[in-house]
Amino acid sequence: MKDADIILEVDGESIPMNDFVKKILSGMITGSVKSLHGVDEGWKILNITIKR
């Protein structure tokens, strides 16, 4: 998979990230999701929402 584009927003405000942080977050998230049953390997968009 080529490098993924990742956007971080907190309460609607976009949080800037450098390339290293983008690569780390992208790798952790996509690696975890790929290991789940039922996830198509050809997915295009992945959304995660965390509320507290």
PDB file of N, CA and C in Angstrom:
ATOM      1  N   MET A   1       0.849  -1.184   0.000  1.00  0.00           N
ATOM      2  CA  MET A   1       0.000   0.000   0.000  1.00  0.00           C
ATOM      3  C   MET A   1       0.887   1.237   0.000  1.00  0.00           C
ATOM      4  N   LYS A   2       0.534   2.201  -0.824  1.00  0.00           N
ATOM      5  CA  LYS A   2       1.285   3.456  -0.823  1.00  0.00           C
ATOM      6  C   LYS A   2       0.963   4.238   0.442  1.00  0.00           C
ATOM      7  N   ASP A   3       1.699   5.294   0.691  1.00  0.00           N
ATOM      8  CA  ASP A   3       1.451   6.109   1.880  1.00  0.00           C
ATOM      9  C   ASP A   3       0.013   6.595   1.906  1.00  0.00           C
ATOM     10  N   ALA A   4      -0.602   6.500   3.063  1.00  0.00           N
ATOM     11  CA  ALA A   4      -1.987   6.931   3.225  1.00  0.00           C
ATOM     12  C   ALA A   4      -2.025   8.395   3.644  1.00  0.00           C
ATOM     13  N   ASP A   5      -3.082   9.070   3.261  1.00  0.00           N
ATOM     14  CA  ASP A   5      -3.311  10.439   3.693  1.00  0.00           C
ATOM     15  C   ASP A   5      -4.111  10.362   4.988  1.00  0.00           C
ATOM     16  N   ILE A   6      -3.641  10.976   6.039  1.00  0.00           N
ATOM     17  CA  ILE A   6      -4.314  10.909   7.335  1.00  0.00           C
ATOM     18  C   ILE A   6      -4.552  12.325   7.843  1.00  0.00           C
ATOM     19  N   ILE A   7      -5.759  12.555   8.366  1.00  0.00           N
ATOM     20  CA  ILE A   7      -6.151  13.857   8.887  1.00  0.00           C
ATOM     21  C   ILE A   7      -6.596  13.670  10.335  1.00  0.00           C
ATOM     22  N   LEU A   8      -6.095  14.503  11.214  1.00  0.00           N
ATOM     23  CA  LEU A   8      -6.475  14.456  12.626  1.00  0.00           C
ATOM     24  C   LEU A   8      -7.251  15.722  12.956  1.00  0.00           C
ATOM     25  N   GLU A   9      -8.466  15.539  13.460  1.00  0.00           N
ATOM     26  CA  GLU A   9      -9.279  16.672  13.907  1.00  0.00           C
ATOM     27  C   GLU A   9      -9.723  16.416  15.339  1.00  0.00           C
ATOM     28  N   VAL A  10      -9.653  17.431  16.166  1.00  0.00           N
ATOM     29  CA  VAL A  10     -10.118  17.354  17.552  1.00  0.00           C
ATOM     30  C   VAL A  10     -11.160  18.454  17.735  1.00  0.00           C
ATOM     31  N   ASP A  11     -12.383  18.054  18.081  1.00  0.00           N
ATOM     32  CA  ASP A  11     -13.503  18.989  18.225  1.00  0.00           C
ATOM     33  C   ASP A  11     -13.633  19.891  17.000  1.00  0.00           C
ATOM     34  N   GLY A  12     -13.471  19.305  15.801  1.00  0.00           N
ATOM     35  CA  GLY A  12     -13.638  20.030  14.561  1.00  0.00           C
ATOM     36  C   GLY A  12     -12.438  20.853  14.128  1.00  0.00           C
ATOM     37  N   GLU A  13     -11.399  20.902  14.936  1.00  0.00           N
ATOM     38  CA  GLU A  13     -10.202  21.681  14.595  1.00  0.00           C
ATOM     39  C   GLU A  13      -9.125  20.755  14.043  1.00  0.00           C
ATOM     40  N   SER A  14      -8.619  21.076  12.864  1.00  0.00           N
ATOM     41  CA  SER A  14      -7.583  20.278  12.234  1.00  0.00           C
ATOM     42  C   SER A  14      -6.269  20.432  13.000  1.00  0.00           C
ATOM     43  N   ILE A  15      -5.637  19.307  13.315  1.00  0.00           N
ATOM     44  CA  ILE A  15      -4.370  19.304  14.062  1.00  0.00           C
ATOM     45  C   ILE A  15      -3.243  18.969  13.083  1.00  0.00           C
ATOM     46  N   PRO A  16      -2.274  19.875  12.928  1.00  0.00           N
ATOM     47  CA  PRO A  16      -1.168  19.600  12.006  1.00  0.00           C
ATOM     48  C   PRO A  16      -0.247  18.505  12.547  1.00  0.00           C
ATOM     49  N   MET A  17       0.240  17.667  11.635  1.00  0.00           N
ATOM     50  CA  MET A  17       1.169  16.599  11.998  1.00  0.00           C
ATOM     51  C   MET A  17       2.314  16.593  10.997  1.00  0.00           C
ATOM     52  N   ASN A  18       3.514  16.284  11.473  1.00  0.00           N
ATOM     53  CA  ASN A  18       4.638  16.149  10.543  1.00  0.00           C
ATOM     54  C   ASN A  18       4.580  14.767   9.881  1.00  0.00           C
ATOM     55  N   ASP A  19       5.422  14.551   8.875  1.00  0.00           N
ATOM     56  CA  ASP A  19       5.390  13.298   8.116  1.00  0.00           C
ATOM     57  C   ASP A  19       5.644  12.075   8.986  1.00  0.00           C
ATOM     58  N   PHE A  20       6.527  12.195   9.978  1.00  0.00           N
ATOM     59  CA  PHE A  20       6.824  11.063  10.855  1.00  0.00           C
ATOM     60  C   PHE A  20       5.579  10.633  11.637  1.00  0.00           C
ATOM     61  N   VAL A  21       4.878  11.576  12.229  1.00  0.00           N
ATOM     62  CA  VAL A  21       3.677  11.256  13.014  1.00  0.00           C
ATOM     63  C   VAL A  21       2.596  10.681  12.100  1.00  0.00           C
ATOM     64  N   LYS A  22       2.431  11.256  10.904  1.00  0.00           N
ATOM     65  CA  LYS A  22       1.450  10.725   9.950  1.00  0.00           C
ATOM     66  C   LYS A  22       1.750   9.275   9.605  1.00  0.00           C
ATOM     67  N   LYS A  23       3.029   8.978   9.356  1.00  0.00           N
ATOM     68  CA  LYS A  23       3.415   7.618   8.985  1.00  0.00           C
ATOM     69  C   LYS A  23       3.187   6.641  10.140  1.00  0.00           C
ATOM     70  N   ILE A  24       3.508   7.051  11.363  1.00  0.00           N
ATOM     71  CA  ILE A  24       3.313   6.185  12.533  1.00  0.00           C
ATOM     72  C   ILE A  24       1.822   5.905  12.749  1.00  0.00           C
ATOM     73  N   LEU A  25       0.993   6.958  12.794  1.00  0.00           N
ATOM     74  CA  LEU A  25      -0.446   6.771  13.017  1.00  0.00           C
ATOM     75  C   LEU A  25      -1.072   5.941  11.905  1.00  0.00           C
ATOM     76  N   SER A  26      -0.732   6.262  10.674  1.00  0.00           N
ATOM     77  CA  SER A  26      -1.275   5.532   9.534  1.00  0.00           C
ATOM     78  C   SER A  26      -0.919   4.051   9.607  1.00  0.00           C
ATOM     79  N   GLY A  27       0.331   3.755   9.914  1.00  0.00           N
ATOM     80  CA  GLY A  27       0.774   2.365  10.002  1.00  0.00           C
ATOM     81  C   GLY A  27       0.091   1.598  11.118  1.00  0.00           C
ATOM     82  N   MET A  28      -0.055   2.226  12.282  1.00  0.00           N
ATOM     83  CA  MET A  28      -0.710   1.556  13.414  1.00  0.00           C
ATOM     84  C   MET A  28      -2.173   1.260  13.101  1.00  0.00           C
ATOM     85  N   ILE A  29      -2.864   2.242  12.557  1.00  0.00           N
ATOM     86  CA  ILE A  29      -4.291   2.077  12.300  1.00  0.00           C
ATOM     87  C   ILE A  29      -4.542   1.083  11.165  1.00  0.00           C
ATOM     88  N   THR A  30      -3.865   1.271  10.030  1.00  0.00           N
ATOM     89  CA  THR A  30      -4.114   0.364   8.911  1.00  0.00           C
ATOM     90  C   THR A  30      -3.659  -1.065   9.224  1.00  0.00           C
ATOM     91  N   GLY A  31      -2.571  -1.221   9.955  1.00  0.00           N
ATOM     92  CA  GLY A  31      -2.114  -2.547  10.338  1.00  0.00           C
ATOM     93  C   GLY A  31      -3.108  -3.259  11.238  1.00  0.00           C
ATOM     94  N   SER A  32      -3.682  -2.536  12.173  1.00  0.00           N
ATOM     95  CA  SER A  32      -4.679  -3.119  13.073  1.00  0.00           C
ATOM     96  C   SER A  32      -5.953  -3.502  12.318  1.00  0.00           C
ATOM     97  N   VAL A  33      -6.405  -2.623  11.436  1.00  0.00           N
ATOM     98  CA  VAL A  33      -7.646  -2.874  10.704  1.00  0.00           C
ATOM     99  C   VAL A  33      -7.486  -4.032   9.728  1.00  0.00           C
ATOM    100  N   LYS A  34      -6.326  -4.133   9.073  1.00  0.00           N
ATOM    101  CA  LYS A  34      -6.103  -5.227   8.122  1.00  0.00           C
ATOM    102  C   LYS A  34      -6.187  -6.594   8.795  1.00  0.00           C
ATOM    103  N   SER A  35      -5.916  -6.651  10.089  1.00  0.00           N
ATOM    104  CA  SER A  35      -5.935  -7.942  10.787  1.00  0.00           C
ATOM    105  C   SER A  35      -7.349  -8.366  11.188  1.00  0.00           C
ATOM    106  N   LEU A  36      -8.338  -7.502  11.012  1.00  0.00           N
ATOM    107  CA  LEU A  36      -9.713  -7.821  11.395  1.00  0.00           C
ATOM    108  C   LEU A  36     -10.414  -8.620  10.297  1.00  0.00           C
ATOM    109  N   HIS A  37     -11.220  -9.600  10.721  1.00  0.00           N
ATOM    110  CA  HIS A  37     -11.996 -10.395   9.769  1.00  0.00           C
ATOM    111  C   HIS A  37     -13.081  -9.535   9.150  1.00  0.00           C
ATOM    112  N   GLY A  38     -13.325  -9.721   7.866  1.00  0.00           N
ATOM    113  CA  GLY A  38     -14.392  -9.010   7.185  1.00  0.00           C
ATOM    114  C   GLY A  38     -13.985  -7.680   6.571  1.00  0.00           C
ATOM    115  N   VAL A  39     -12.725  -7.276   6.722  1.00  0.00           N
ATOM    116  CA  VAL A  39     -12.265  -6.029   6.126  1.00  0.00           C
ATOM    117  C   VAL A  39     -11.667  -6.348   4.757  1.00  0.00           C
ATOM    118  N   ASP A  40     -12.246  -5.744   3.724  1.00  0.00           N
ATOM    119  CA  ASP A  40     -11.773  -5.949   2.361  1.00  0.00           C
ATOM    120  C   ASP A  40     -10.394  -5.314   2.191  1.00  0.00           C
ATOM    121  N   GLU A  41      -9.463  -6.063   1.612  1.00  0.00           N
ATOM    122  CA  GLU A  41      -8.109  -5.542   1.429  1.00  0.00           C
ATOM    123  C   GLU A  41      -8.073  -4.331   0.505  1.00  0.00           C
ATOM    124  N   GLY A  42      -9.094  -4.143  -0.309  1.00  0.00           N
ATOM    125  CA  GLY A  42      -9.117  -3.039  -1.250  1.00  0.00           C
ATOM    126  C   GLY A  42      -9.860  -1.810  -0.744  1.00  0.00           C
ATOM    127  N   TRP A  43      -9.970  -1.661   0.582  1.00  0.00           N
ATOM    128  CA  TRP A  43     -10.709  -0.517   1.130  1.00  0.00           C
ATOM    129  C   TRP A  43     -10.080   0.788   0.666  1.00  0.00           C
ATOM    130  N   LYS A  44     -10.936   1.825   0.595  1.00  0.00           N
ATOM    131  CA  LYS A  44     -10.487   3.127   0.117  1.00  0.00           C
ATOM    132  C   LYS A  44     -10.455   4.181   1.228  1.00  0.00           C
ATOM    133  N   ILE A  45     -11.466   4.176   2.097  1.00  0.00           N
ATOM    134  CA  ILE A  45     -11.560   5.178   3.160  1.00  0.00           C
ATOM    135  C   ILE A  45     -11.869   4.461   4.471  1.00  0.00           C
ATOM    136  N   LEU A  46     -11.187   4.853   5.525  1.00  0.00           N
ATOM    137  CA  LEU A  46     -11.389   4.287   6.849  1.00  0.00           C
ATOM    138  C   LEU A  46     -11.649   5.452   7.805  1.00  0.00           C
ATOM    139  N   ASN A  47     -12.765   5.412   8.504  1.00  0.00           N
ATOM    140  CA  ASN A  47     -13.095   6.468   9.467  1.00  0.00           C
ATOM    141  C   ASN A  47     -13.135   5.887  10.874  1.00  0.00           C
ATOM    142  N   ILE A  48     -12.524   6.567  11.806  1.00  0.00           N
ATOM    143  CA  ILE A  48     -12.579   6.198  13.218  1.00  0.00           C
ATOM    144  C   ILE A  48     -13.030   7.434  14.004  1.00  0.00           C
ATOM    145  N   THR A  49     -14.045   7.256  14.835  1.00  0.00           N
ATOM    146  CA  THR A  49     -14.508   8.337  15.691  1.00  0.00           C
ATOM    147  C   THR A  49     -14.357   7.890  17.138  1.00  0.00           C
ATOM    148  N   ILE A  50     -13.744   8.718  17.936  1.00  0.00           N
ATOM    149  CA  ILE A  50     -13.593   8.438  19.365  1.00  0.00           C
ATOM    150  C   ILE A  50     -14.303   9.548  20.127  1.00  0.00           C
ATOM    151  N   LYS A  51     -15.260   9.159  20.954  1.00  0.00           N
ATOM    152  CA  LYS A  51     -15.984  10.154  21.768  1.00  0.00           C
ATOM    153  C   LYS A  51     -15.759   9.834  23.235  1.00  0.00           C
ATOM    154  N   ARG A  52     -15.685  10.857  24.017  1.00  0.00           N
ATOM    155  CA  ARG A  52     -15.589  10.619  25.462  1.00  0.00           C
ATOM    156  C   ARG A  52     -16.441  11.627  26.197  1.00  0.00           C
TER     157      ARG A  52
END
